[in-house]
Amino acid sequence: MVYETQIWGMHLFWWFIWVFLLIWIFATPYDIPGQRSRRMSPLDVLKLRFANGQISSEEYKRSKAILENDSIQTSK
């Protein structure tokens, strides 16, 4: 017996549920245990310390210039 609301043996309602679950599983960002996380660069750490107020603007500018100068020299 075939009903108009059945597609490949499932009601249309169940297709919506499966599609929602697949989108939720694959589109939700989360940390997977054992997966390597992105490491912060020294410049990112410097920006974070400045944003938290751990260093002054002079220290930030001086350290940023040193880090940028080192990155230019190592790329040559």
Protein backbone atom coordinates (compact mmCIF):
# COMPACT_ATOMS: atom_id res chain seq x y z
CA MET A 1 0.00 0.00 0.00
CA VAL A 2 1.51 3.34 -1.06
CA TYR A 3 0.51 6.63 0.51
CA GLU A 4 1.12 10.04 -0.95
CA THR A 5 3.12 11.17 2.09
CA GLN A 6 5.64 8.32 1.95
CA ILE A 7 8.94 8.74 0.16
CA TRP A 8 11.20 5.67 -0.04
CA GLY A 9 9.35 4.01 2.82
CA MET A 10 9.45 6.93 5.27
CA HIS A 11 6.94 9.64 5.95
CA LEU A 12 8.00 13.16 5.01
CA PHE A 13 8.15 14.03 8.72
CA TRP A 14 10.97 11.51 9.28
CA TRP A 15 12.97 12.96 6.37
CA PHE A 16 12.88 16.35 8.08
CA ILE A 17 14.13 14.78 11.30
CA TRP A 18 17.02 12.98 9.57
CA VAL A 19 18.05 16.07 7.61
CA PHE A 20 17.95 18.17 10.78
CA LEU A 21 20.06 15.63 12.68
CA LEU A 22 22.67 15.43 9.90
CA ILE A 23 22.94 19.21 9.69
CA TRP A 24 23.20 19.42 13.48
CA ILE A 25 25.92 16.74 13.64
CA PHE A 26 28.11 18.07 10.83
CA ALA A 27 27.54 21.83 11.14
CA THR A 28 27.88 22.24 14.90
CA PRO A 29 31.41 23.34 15.82
CA TYR A 30 32.84 21.43 18.75
CA ASP A 31 36.18 20.12 19.94
CA ILE A 32 36.83 16.47 19.23
CA PRO A 33 38.80 14.73 22.01
CA GLY A 34 42.28 13.87 20.83
CA GLN A 35 42.19 16.36 17.97
CA ARG A 36 45.00 18.86 17.77
CA SER A 37 43.87 22.38 18.43
CA ARG A 38 45.24 25.40 16.61
CA ARG A 39 48.24 26.83 18.38
CA MET A 40 48.40 30.54 19.00
CA SER A 41 51.19 32.43 17.31
CA PRO A 42 53.45 34.66 19.41
CA LEU A 43 51.71 37.71 17.93
CA ASP A 44 48.31 36.31 18.98
CA VAL A 45 49.59 35.82 22.53
CA LEU A 46 50.93 39.38 22.54
CA LYS A 47 47.57 40.76 21.37
CA LEU A 48 45.76 38.76 24.06
CA ARG A 49 48.09 40.02 26.80
CA PHE A 50 47.59 43.61 25.63
CA ALA A 51 43.81 43.17 25.50
CA ASN A 52 43.81 41.77 29.05
CA GLY A 53 45.83 44.75 30.29
CA GLN A 54 48.86 42.70 31.31
CA ILE A 55 51.24 44.90 29.28
CA SER A 56 51.30 48.58 28.42
CA SER A 57 50.95 50.04 24.94
CA GLU A 58 54.69 50.84 24.81
CA GLU A 59 55.58 47.24 25.65
CA TYR A 60 53.05 46.04 23.08
CA LYS A 61 54.45 48.24 20.31
CA ARG A 62 58.05 47.33 21.13
CA SER A 63 57.33 43.59 21.28
CA LYS A 64 55.22 43.73 18.12
CA ALA A 65 58.04 45.43 16.23
CA ILE A 66 60.48 42.77 17.42
CA LEU A 67 58.17 39.93 16.42
CA GLU A 68 57.41 41.42 13.02
CA ASN A 69 61.12 42.08 12.41
CA ASP A 70 61.93 38.46 13.34
CA SER A 71 59.27 37.11 11.00
CA ILE A 72 60.61 39.21 8.11
CA GLN A 73 64.18 38.04 8.73
CA THR A 74 63.25 34.36 8.99
CA SER A 75 61.25 34.48 5.74
CA LYS A 76 64.28 35.68 3.74
